[in-house]
Amino acid sequence: MGNWNWSFFLSWDWSFLKADPGGKIPTYWQWLVSAWGWTAAVAACSLALALVAGSVVGVLRTLTGHTWWARLGAVWVELFRNIPLLVQLFVWRYVLTLLPVIKDFSAFTLMVLALGLFTSARIAEQVRAGIQALPRGQRHAAMALGLSTPQTYRHVLLPMAYRIILPPLTSESMNIVKNSAVAFAASIPELAQYFYQVTEETSRTKEIFILVVLLYVITALAVWTVMHWIEKRTRVPGFVGAAAGGH
């Protein structure tokens, strides 16, 4: 410990957080909090879209006797899963905005669409694996009771499938927080853009890097805590983790 170089830590200077960046936000500290809020908003909205779209596509991929719907689901998964997220964001921002119906979308909306649909392909595969992990007798029993196909999925298959895929879904929810960092390419004032811009203005690279990484870790841990709590409350013995490799 006697040879430890304390000068590395002593060189840190946090006073820049109280400085005025010269814009609408009074201090760099308040700017950091605002950027954190943008990151959380992008992640939360994208996750909501991914869950809805992924569930629909996952169901389509398990429809027996509906070949075209299953093929449509397969095309969706392969399309959004195999194109890099940053490329998809650029397509949304610079290509699809040429369409009249999309041209007035905000950068935030375009980012949510890009990240949400990109993640929906992975969630769709998890939903598909969760449904296929269930005993076929559950589907047959629902049909014997006179339930329609939508009713079978809503009341029987999906409630169980969601319980099965909660562990991989937790990882996907944490990934969406990390992937939200590409939002800086859409000029959204989130944590990644804060890092690049404030580093350039203040040259306090180490301090800003530590703060941004810490906030990403806190956000991811918060997501993990919520998902872990949901998993414990909804756990079905014998089924949890059955579809962990299905994404």
C-alpha atoms as a PDB file:
ATOM      1  CA  MET A   1       0.000   0.000   0.000  1.00  0.00           C
ATOM      2  CA  GLY A   2       2.981   2.287   0.551  1.00  0.00           C
ATOM      3  CA  ASN A   3       3.681   2.389  -3.186  1.00  0.00           C
ATOM      4  CA  TRP A   4       0.111   3.286  -4.089  1.00  0.00           C
ATOM      5  CA  ASN A   5      -0.066   6.311  -6.368  1.00  0.00           C
ATOM      6  CA  TRP A   6      -2.628   8.521  -4.657  1.00  0.00           C
ATOM      7  CA  SER A   7      -1.950  11.385  -7.054  1.00  0.00           C
ATOM      8  CA  PHE A   8      -4.336   9.753  -9.544  1.00  0.00           C
ATOM      9  CA  PHE A   9      -7.232  10.243  -7.117  1.00  0.00           C
ATOM     10  CA  LEU A  10      -6.037  13.586  -5.794  1.00  0.00           C
ATOM     11  CA  SER A  11      -6.090  14.979  -9.313  1.00  0.00           C
ATOM     12  CA  TRP A  12      -9.866  14.603  -9.544  1.00  0.00           C
ATOM     13  CA  ASP A  13     -11.800  17.856  -9.530  1.00  0.00           C
ATOM     14  CA  TRP A  14     -15.567  17.802  -9.137  1.00  0.00           C
ATOM     15  CA  SER A  15     -16.051  21.554  -9.003  1.00  0.00           C
ATOM     16  CA  PHE A  16     -17.083  21.632 -12.672  1.00  0.00           C
ATOM     17  CA  LEU A  17     -20.455  20.163 -11.650  1.00  0.00           C
ATOM     18  CA  LYS A  18     -21.382  23.510 -10.097  1.00  0.00           C
ATOM     19  CA  ALA A  19     -20.323  25.492 -13.150  1.00  0.00           C
ATOM     20  CA  ASP A  20     -22.802  27.079 -15.563  1.00  0.00           C
ATOM     21  CA  PRO A  21     -22.737  25.395 -18.991  1.00  0.00           C
ATOM     22  CA  GLY A  22     -24.215  28.543 -20.503  1.00  0.00           C
ATOM     23  CA  GLY A  23     -27.467  27.036 -21.727  1.00  0.00           C
ATOM     24  CA  LYS A  24     -30.983  26.432 -20.476  1.00  0.00           C
ATOM     25  CA  ILE A  25     -29.755  24.152 -17.667  1.00  0.00           C
ATOM     26  CA  PRO A  26     -28.105  26.095 -14.784  1.00  0.00           C
ATOM     27  CA  THR A  27     -25.295  23.649 -13.864  1.00  0.00           C
ATOM     28  CA  TYR A  28     -23.500  20.588 -15.234  1.00  0.00           C
ATOM     29  CA  TRP A  29     -24.902  18.606 -12.289  1.00  0.00           C
ATOM     30  CA  GLN A  30     -28.476  19.424 -13.268  1.00  0.00           C
ATOM     31  CA  TRP A  31     -27.585  18.637 -16.855  1.00  0.00           C
ATOM     32  CA  LEU A  32     -26.359  15.209 -15.718  1.00  0.00           C
ATOM     33  CA  VAL A  33     -29.639  14.517 -13.912  1.00  0.00           C
ATOM     34  CA  SER A  34     -31.587  15.597 -17.003  1.00  0.00           C
ATOM     35  CA  ALA A  35     -29.471  13.300 -19.204  1.00  0.00           C
ATOM     36  CA  TRP A  36     -30.132  10.421 -16.820  1.00  0.00           C
ATOM     37  CA  GLY A  37     -33.857  11.090 -17.148  1.00  0.00           C
ATOM     38  CA  TRP A  38     -33.636  10.977 -20.944  1.00  0.00           C
ATOM     39  CA  THR A  39     -31.781   7.654 -20.765  1.00  0.00           C
ATOM     40  CA  ALA A  40     -34.438   6.183 -18.464  1.00  0.00           C
ATOM     41  CA  ALA A  41     -37.243   7.494 -20.685  1.00  0.00           C
ATOM     42  CA  VAL A  42     -35.724   6.021 -23.863  1.00  0.00           C
ATOM     43  CA  ALA A  43     -35.143   2.660 -22.170  1.00  0.00           C
ATOM     44  CA  ALA A  44     -38.603   2.480 -20.572  1.00  0.00           C
ATOM     45  CA  CYS A  45     -40.548   3.433 -23.711  1.00  0.00           C
ATOM     46  CA  SER A  46     -38.443   1.152 -25.912  1.00  0.00           C
ATOM     47  CA  LEU A  47     -38.952  -1.755 -23.519  1.00  0.00           C
ATOM     48  CA  ALA A  48     -42.719  -1.221 -23.523  1.00  0.00           C
ATOM     49  CA  LEU A  49     -42.792  -1.242 -27.331  1.00  0.00           C
ATOM     50  CA  ALA A  50     -40.484  -4.284 -27.469  1.00  0.00           C
ATOM     51  CA  LEU A  51     -42.698  -6.254 -25.090  1.00  0.00           C
ATOM     52  CA  VAL A  52     -45.862  -5.555 -27.076  1.00  0.00           C
ATOM     53  CA  ALA A  53     -44.357  -6.119 -30.535  1.00  0.00           C
ATOM     54  CA  GLY A  54     -42.262  -9.071 -29.375  1.00  0.00           C
ATOM     55  CA  SER A  55     -45.258 -10.772 -27.792  1.00  0.00           C
ATOM     56  CA  VAL A  56     -47.341 -10.394 -30.957  1.00  0.00           C
ATOM     57  CA  VAL A  57     -44.564 -11.699 -33.207  1.00  0.00           C
ATOM     58  CA  GLY A  58     -43.760 -14.518 -30.790  1.00  0.00           C
ATOM     59  CA  VAL A  59     -47.379 -15.638 -30.872  1.00  0.00           C
ATOM     60  CA  LEU A  60     -47.434 -15.494 -34.676  1.00  0.00           C
ATOM     61  CA  ARG A  61     -44.429 -17.786 -34.797  1.00  0.00           C
ATOM     62  CA  THR A  62     -46.294 -20.462 -32.807  1.00  0.00           C
ATOM     63  CA  LEU A  63     -49.569 -20.419 -34.711  1.00  0.00           C
ATOM     64  CA  THR A  64     -50.057 -23.940 -36.019  1.00  0.00           C
ATOM     65  CA  GLY A  65     -51.938 -24.171 -39.279  1.00  0.00           C
ATOM     66  CA  HIS A  66     -51.295 -20.507 -40.148  1.00  0.00           C
ATOM     67  CA  THR A  67     -48.182 -20.785 -42.319  1.00  0.00           C
ATOM     68  CA  TRP A  68     -48.191 -17.238 -43.664  1.00  0.00           C
ATOM     69  CA  TRP A  69     -48.493 -15.667 -40.210  1.00  0.00           C
ATOM     70  CA  ALA A  70     -45.631 -17.833 -38.973  1.00  0.00           C
ATOM     71  CA  ARG A  71     -43.505 -16.832 -41.963  1.00  0.00           C
ATOM     72  CA  LEU A  72     -44.278 -13.175 -41.362  1.00  0.00           C
ATOM     73  CA  GLY A  73     -43.077 -13.562 -37.787  1.00  0.00           C
ATOM     74  CA  ALA A  74     -39.899 -15.271 -38.968  1.00  0.00           C
ATOM     75  CA  VAL A  75     -39.181 -12.445 -41.444  1.00  0.00           C
ATOM     76  CA  TRP A  76     -39.709  -9.868 -38.684  1.00  0.00           C
ATOM     77  CA  VAL A  77     -37.254 -11.623 -36.381  1.00  0.00           C
ATOM     78  CA  GLU A  78     -34.551 -12.081 -39.006  1.00  0.00           C
ATOM     79  CA  LEU A  79     -34.929  -8.518 -40.307  1.00  0.00           C
ATOM     80  CA  PHE A  80     -34.644  -6.688 -37.006  1.00  0.00           C
ATOM     81  CA  ARG A  81     -32.237  -9.116 -35.332  1.00  0.00           C
ATOM     82  CA  ASN A  82     -29.597  -9.194 -38.066  1.00  0.00           C
ATOM     83  CA  ILE A  83     -29.267  -5.479 -38.855  1.00  0.00           C
ATOM     84  CA  PRO A  84     -27.068  -3.533 -36.374  1.00  0.00           C
ATOM     85  CA  LEU A  85     -28.996  -1.215 -34.072  1.00  0.00           C
ATOM     86  CA  LEU A  86     -27.064   1.893 -35.119  1.00  0.00           C
ATOM     87  CA  VAL A  87     -27.814   1.174 -38.794  1.00  0.00           C
ATOM     88  CA  GLN A  88     -31.509   0.776 -37.977  1.00  0.00           C
ATOM     89  CA  LEU A  89     -31.480   4.097 -36.144  1.00  0.00           C
ATOM     90  CA  PHE A  90     -29.940   5.829 -39.172  1.00  0.00           C
ATOM     91  CA  VAL A  91     -32.553   4.220 -41.427  1.00  0.00           C
ATOM     92  CA  TRP A  92     -35.341   5.537 -39.223  1.00  0.00           C
ATOM     93  CA  ARG A  93     -33.781   8.997 -38.910  1.00  0.00           C
ATOM     94  CA  TYR A  94     -32.521   9.656 -42.431  1.00  0.00           C
ATOM     95  CA  VAL A  95     -34.457   7.315 -44.753  1.00  0.00           C
ATOM     96  CA  LEU A  96     -37.906   6.585 -43.366  1.00  0.00           C
ATOM     97  CA  THR A  97     -38.403  10.249 -42.412  1.00  0.00           C
ATOM     98  CA  LEU A  98     -38.730  10.899 -46.152  1.00  0.00           C
ATOM     99  CA  LEU A  99     -42.165   9.283 -45.855  1.00  0.00           C
ATOM    100  CA  PRO A 100     -44.943  11.822 -45.136  1.00  0.00           C
ATOM    101  CA  VAL A 101     -46.352   9.781 -42.248  1.00  0.00           C
ATOM    102  CA  ILE A 102     -42.982   9.671 -40.428  1.00  0.00           C
ATOM    103  CA  LYS A 103     -41.282  12.925 -41.388  1.00  0.00           C
ATOM    104  CA  ASP A 104     -42.699  14.850 -38.400  1.00  0.00           C
ATOM    105  CA  PHE A 105     -41.689  12.255 -35.790  1.00  0.00           C
ATOM    106  CA  SER A 106     -39.399  13.583 -33.072  1.00  0.00           C
ATOM    107  CA  ALA A 107     -35.878  12.218 -32.564  1.00  0.00           C
ATOM    108  CA  PHE A 108     -37.084  10.629 -29.316  1.00  0.00           C
ATOM    109  CA  THR A 109     -39.913   8.781 -31.101  1.00  0.00           C
ATOM    110  CA  LEU A 110     -37.570   7.556 -33.832  1.00  0.00           C
ATOM    111  CA  MET A 111     -35.096   6.288 -31.225  1.00  0.00           C
ATOM    112  CA  VAL A 112     -37.836   4.436 -29.350  1.00  0.00           C
ATOM    113  CA  LEU A 113     -39.037   2.844 -32.589  1.00  0.00           C
ATOM    114  CA  ALA A 114     -35.521   1.773 -33.592  1.00  0.00           C
ATOM    115  CA  LEU A 115     -34.533   0.377 -30.190  1.00  0.00           C
ATOM    116  CA  GLY A 116     -37.958  -1.075 -29.414  1.00  0.00           C
ATOM    117  CA  LEU A 117     -38.357  -2.937 -32.693  1.00  0.00           C
ATOM    118  CA  PHE A 118     -34.734  -4.106 -32.625  1.00  0.00           C
ATOM    119  CA  THR A 119     -35.304  -5.619 -29.168  1.00  0.00           C
ATOM    120  CA  SER A 120     -38.737  -6.975 -30.119  1.00  0.00           C
ATOM    121  CA  ALA A 121     -37.070  -9.558 -32.389  1.00  0.00           C
ATOM    122  CA  ARG A 122     -35.169 -11.041 -29.447  1.00  0.00           C
ATOM    123  CA  ILE A 123     -38.190 -10.932 -27.143  1.00  0.00           C
ATOM    124  CA  ALA A 124     -40.278 -12.597 -29.869  1.00  0.00           C
ATOM    125  CA  GLU A 125     -37.892 -15.551 -29.871  1.00  0.00           C
ATOM    126  CA  GLN A 126     -38.099 -15.745 -26.083  1.00  0.00           C
ATOM    127  CA  VAL A 127     -41.897 -15.697 -26.168  1.00  0.00           C
ATOM    128  CA  ARG A 128     -41.891 -18.369 -28.867  1.00  0.00           C
ATOM    129  CA  ALA A 129     -39.542 -20.544 -26.804  1.00  0.00           C
ATOM    130  CA  GLY A 130     -41.655 -20.021 -23.691  1.00  0.00           C
ATOM    131  CA  ILE A 131     -44.850 -21.091 -25.457  1.00  0.00           C
ATOM    132  CA  GLN A 132     -43.190 -24.115 -27.048  1.00  0.00           C
ATOM    133  CA  ALA A 133     -41.775 -25.150 -23.652  1.00  0.00           C
ATOM    134  CA  LEU A 134     -45.300 -25.653 -22.331  1.00  0.00           C
ATOM    135  CA  PRO A 135     -46.868 -29.128 -22.474  1.00  0.00           C
ATOM    136  CA  ARG A 136     -49.111 -29.477 -25.518  1.00  0.00           C
ATOM    137  CA  GLY A 137     -51.832 -30.723 -23.221  1.00  0.00           C
ATOM    138  CA  GLN A 138     -52.455 -27.135 -22.049  1.00  0.00           C
ATOM    139  CA  ARG A 139     -53.354 -25.993 -25.563  1.00  0.00           C
ATOM    140  CA  HIS A 140     -55.500 -29.095 -26.144  1.00  0.00           C
ATOM    141  CA  ALA A 141     -57.285 -28.669 -22.816  1.00  0.00           C
ATOM    142  CA  ALA A 142     -58.121 -25.053 -23.665  1.00  0.00           C
ATOM    143  CA  MET A 143     -59.483 -26.108 -27.041  1.00  0.00           C
ATOM    144  CA  ALA A 144     -61.531 -28.854 -25.377  1.00  0.00           C
ATOM    145  CA  LEU A 145     -63.090 -26.217 -23.117  1.00  0.00           C
ATOM    146  CA  GLY A 146     -64.235 -24.317 -26.187  1.00  0.00           C
ATOM    147  CA  LEU A 147     -61.744 -21.446 -25.983  1.00  0.00           C
ATOM    148  CA  SER A 148     -60.878 -19.687 -29.212  1.00  0.00           C
ATOM    149  CA  THR A 149     -57.263 -19.324 -30.325  1.00  0.00           C
ATOM    150  CA  PRO A 150     -56.954 -15.735 -28.986  1.00  0.00           C
ATOM    151  CA  GLN A 151     -58.551 -16.804 -25.690  1.00  0.00           C
ATOM    152  CA  THR A 152     -56.199 -19.786 -25.443  1.00  0.00           C
ATOM    153  CA  TYR A 153     -53.159 -17.548 -25.771  1.00  0.00           C
ATOM    154  CA  ARG A 154     -54.495 -14.828 -23.508  1.00  0.00           C
ATOM    155  CA  HIS A 155     -55.759 -16.964 -20.629  1.00  0.00           C
ATOM    156  CA  VAL A 156     -53.652 -20.137 -20.812  1.00  0.00           C
ATOM    157  CA  LEU A 157     -50.441 -20.010 -22.836  1.00  0.00           C
ATOM    158  CA  LEU A 158     -49.061 -16.484 -22.469  1.00  0.00           C
ATOM    159  CA  PRO A 159     -49.435 -16.192 -18.661  1.00  0.00           C
ATOM    160  CA  MET A 160     -47.340 -19.345 -18.256  1.00  0.00           C
ATOM    161  CA  ALA A 161     -44.907 -18.451 -21.048  1.00  0.00           C
ATOM    162  CA  TYR A 162     -44.120 -15.065 -19.505  1.00  0.00           C
ATOM    163  CA  ARG A 163     -43.254 -16.764 -16.215  1.00  0.00           C
ATOM    164  CA  ILE A 164     -40.883 -19.119 -18.013  1.00  0.00           C
ATOM    165  CA  ILE A 165     -39.010 -16.395 -19.909  1.00  0.00           C
ATOM    166  CA  LEU A 166     -38.577 -13.948 -17.029  1.00  0.00           C
ATOM    167  CA  PRO A 167     -34.853 -14.750 -16.508  1.00  0.00           C
ATOM    168  CA  PRO A 168     -33.838 -14.059 -20.144  1.00  0.00           C
ATOM    169  CA  LEU A 169     -36.320 -11.196 -20.270  1.00  0.00           C
ATOM    170  CA  THR A 170     -34.505  -9.630 -17.315  1.00  0.00           C
ATOM    171  CA  SER A 171     -31.249  -9.721 -19.264  1.00  0.00           C
ATOM    172  CA  GLU A 172     -32.969  -8.189 -22.291  1.00  0.00           C
ATOM    173  CA  SER A 173     -34.396  -5.401 -20.129  1.00  0.00           C
ATOM    174  CA  MET A 174     -30.926  -4.590 -18.825  1.00  0.00           C
ATOM    175  CA  ASN A 175     -29.521  -4.730 -22.360  1.00  0.00           C
ATOM    176  CA  ILE A 176     -32.006  -2.132 -23.516  1.00  0.00           C
ATOM    177  CA  VAL A 177     -30.580   0.289 -20.939  1.00  0.00           C
ATOM    178  CA  LYS A 178     -27.088  -0.247 -22.356  1.00  0.00           C
ATOM    179  CA  ASN A 179     -28.266  -0.060 -25.954  1.00  0.00           C
ATOM    180  CA  SER A 180     -29.960   3.269 -25.269  1.00  0.00           C
ATOM    181  CA  ALA A 181     -26.475   4.807 -25.444  1.00  0.00           C
ATOM    182  CA  VAL A 182     -26.788   4.924 -29.248  1.00  0.00           C
ATOM    183  CA  ALA A 183     -29.430   7.628 -28.767  1.00  0.00           C
ATOM    184  CA  PHE A 184     -26.627  10.202 -28.881  1.00  0.00           C
ATOM    185  CA  ALA A 185     -26.555   9.561 -32.651  1.00  0.00           C
ATOM    186  CA  ALA A 186     -30.134  10.877 -32.794  1.00  0.00           C
ATOM    187  CA  SER A 187     -29.136  14.041 -30.876  1.00  0.00           C
ATOM    188  CA  ILE A 188     -31.058  13.005 -27.780  1.00  0.00           C
ATOM    189  CA  PRO A 189     -29.479  14.638 -24.694  1.00  0.00           C
ATOM    190  CA  GLU A 190     -28.974  11.379 -22.747  1.00  0.00           C
ATOM    191  CA  LEU A 191     -25.951  10.114 -20.811  1.00  0.00           C
ATOM    192  CA  ALA A 192     -23.749   9.187 -23.766  1.00  0.00           C
ATOM    193  CA  GLN A 193     -24.196  12.582 -25.388  1.00  0.00           C
ATOM    194  CA  TYR A 194     -23.613  14.232 -22.005  1.00  0.00           C
ATOM    195  CA  PHE A 195     -20.302  12.389 -21.723  1.00  0.00           C
ATOM    196  CA  TYR A 196     -19.063  13.446 -25.157  1.00  0.00           C
ATOM    197  CA  GLN A 197     -20.234  17.048 -24.958  1.00  0.00           C
ATOM    198  CA  VAL A 198     -19.283  17.853 -21.375  1.00  0.00           C
ATOM    199  CA  THR A 199     -15.903  16.141 -21.737  1.00  0.00           C
ATOM    200  CA  GLU A 200     -15.202  18.389 -24.695  1.00  0.00           C
ATOM    201  CA  GLU A 201     -16.285  21.491 -22.777  1.00  0.00           C
ATOM    202  CA  THR A 202     -14.580  20.785 -19.436  1.00  0.00           C
ATOM    203  CA  SER A 203     -11.826  18.239 -20.197  1.00  0.00           C
ATOM    204  CA  ARG A 204     -12.751  16.421 -16.933  1.00  0.00           C
ATOM    205  CA  THR A 205     -12.769  13.036 -18.665  1.00  0.00           C
ATOM    206  CA  LYS A 206     -12.162  10.812 -15.624  1.00  0.00           C
ATOM    207  CA  GLU A 207     -14.799  12.433 -13.444  1.00  0.00           C
ATOM    208  CA  ILE A 208     -17.484  12.465 -16.133  1.00  0.00           C
ATOM    209  CA  PHE A 209     -16.722   8.877 -17.141  1.00  0.00           C
ATOM    210  CA  ILE A 210     -17.104   7.706 -13.528  1.00  0.00           C
ATOM    211  CA  LEU A 211     -20.413   9.536 -13.097  1.00  0.00           C
ATOM    212  CA  VAL A 212     -21.911   8.276 -16.360  1.00  0.00           C
ATOM    213  CA  VAL A 213     -20.837   4.670 -15.769  1.00  0.00           C
ATOM    214  CA  LEU A 214     -22.188   4.822 -12.212  1.00  0.00           C
ATOM    215  CA  LEU A 215     -25.582   6.027 -13.427  1.00  0.00           C
ATOM    216  CA  TYR A 216     -25.745   3.288 -16.072  1.00  0.00           C
ATOM    217  CA  VAL A 217     -24.949   0.705 -13.384  1.00  0.00           C
ATOM    218  CA  ILE A 218     -27.577   2.121 -11.016  1.00  0.00           C
ATOM    219  CA  THR A 219     -30.213   2.093 -13.769  1.00  0.00           C
ATOM    220  CA  ALA A 220     -29.406  -1.473 -14.802  1.00  0.00           C
ATOM    221  CA  LEU A 221     -29.456  -2.648 -11.182  1.00  0.00           C
ATOM    222  CA  ALA A 222     -32.831  -0.971 -10.669  1.00  0.00           C
ATOM    223  CA  VAL A 223     -34.211  -2.842 -13.677  1.00  0.00           C
ATOM    224  CA  TRP A 224     -32.742  -6.110 -12.380  1.00  0.00           C
ATOM    225  CA  THR A 225     -34.242  -5.553  -8.939  1.00  0.00           C
ATOM    226  CA  VAL A 226     -37.729  -4.935 -10.325  1.00  0.00           C
ATOM    227  CA  MET A 227     -37.566  -7.914 -12.688  1.00  0.00           C
ATOM    228  CA  HIS A 228     -36.168 -10.189  -9.976  1.00  0.00           C
ATOM    229  CA  TRP A 229     -39.023  -9.175  -7.667  1.00  0.00           C
ATOM    230  CA  ILE A 230     -41.566  -9.942 -10.401  1.00  0.00           C
ATOM    231  CA  GLU A 231     -39.876 -13.284 -11.054  1.00  0.00           C
ATOM    232  CA  LYS A 232     -40.073 -14.285  -7.390  1.00  0.00           C
ATOM    233  CA  ARG A 233     -43.729 -13.274  -7.128  1.00  0.00           C
ATOM    234  CA  THR A 234     -44.803 -15.146 -10.276  1.00  0.00           C
ATOM    235  CA  ARG A 235     -42.484 -18.166 -10.185  1.00  0.00           C
ATOM    236  CA  VAL A 236     -43.973 -21.500 -11.201  1.00  0.00           C
ATOM    237  CA  PRO A 237     -42.010 -24.466  -9.826  1.00  0.00           C
ATOM    238  CA  GLY A 238     -40.605 -26.697 -12.568  1.00  0.00           C
ATOM    239  CA  PHE A 239     -40.959 -24.117 -15.339  1.00  0.00           C
ATOM    240  CA  VAL A 240     -38.606 -21.245 -14.441  1.00  0.00           C
ATOM    241  CA  GLY A 241     -35.591 -21.121 -16.728  1.00  0.00           C
ATOM    242  CA  ALA A 242     -36.974 -23.714 -19.129  1.00  0.00           C
ATOM    243  CA  ALA A 243     -36.664 -21.272 -22.023  1.00  0.00           C
ATOM    244  CA  ALA A 244     -33.499 -19.541 -20.922  1.00  0.00           C
ATOM    245  CA  GLY A 245     -31.718 -20.581 -24.061  1.00  0.00           C
ATOM    246  CA  GLY A 246     -34.554 -19.790 -26.417  1.00  0.00           C
ATOM    247  CA  HIS A 247     -33.429 -16.376 -27.613  1.00  0.00           C
END
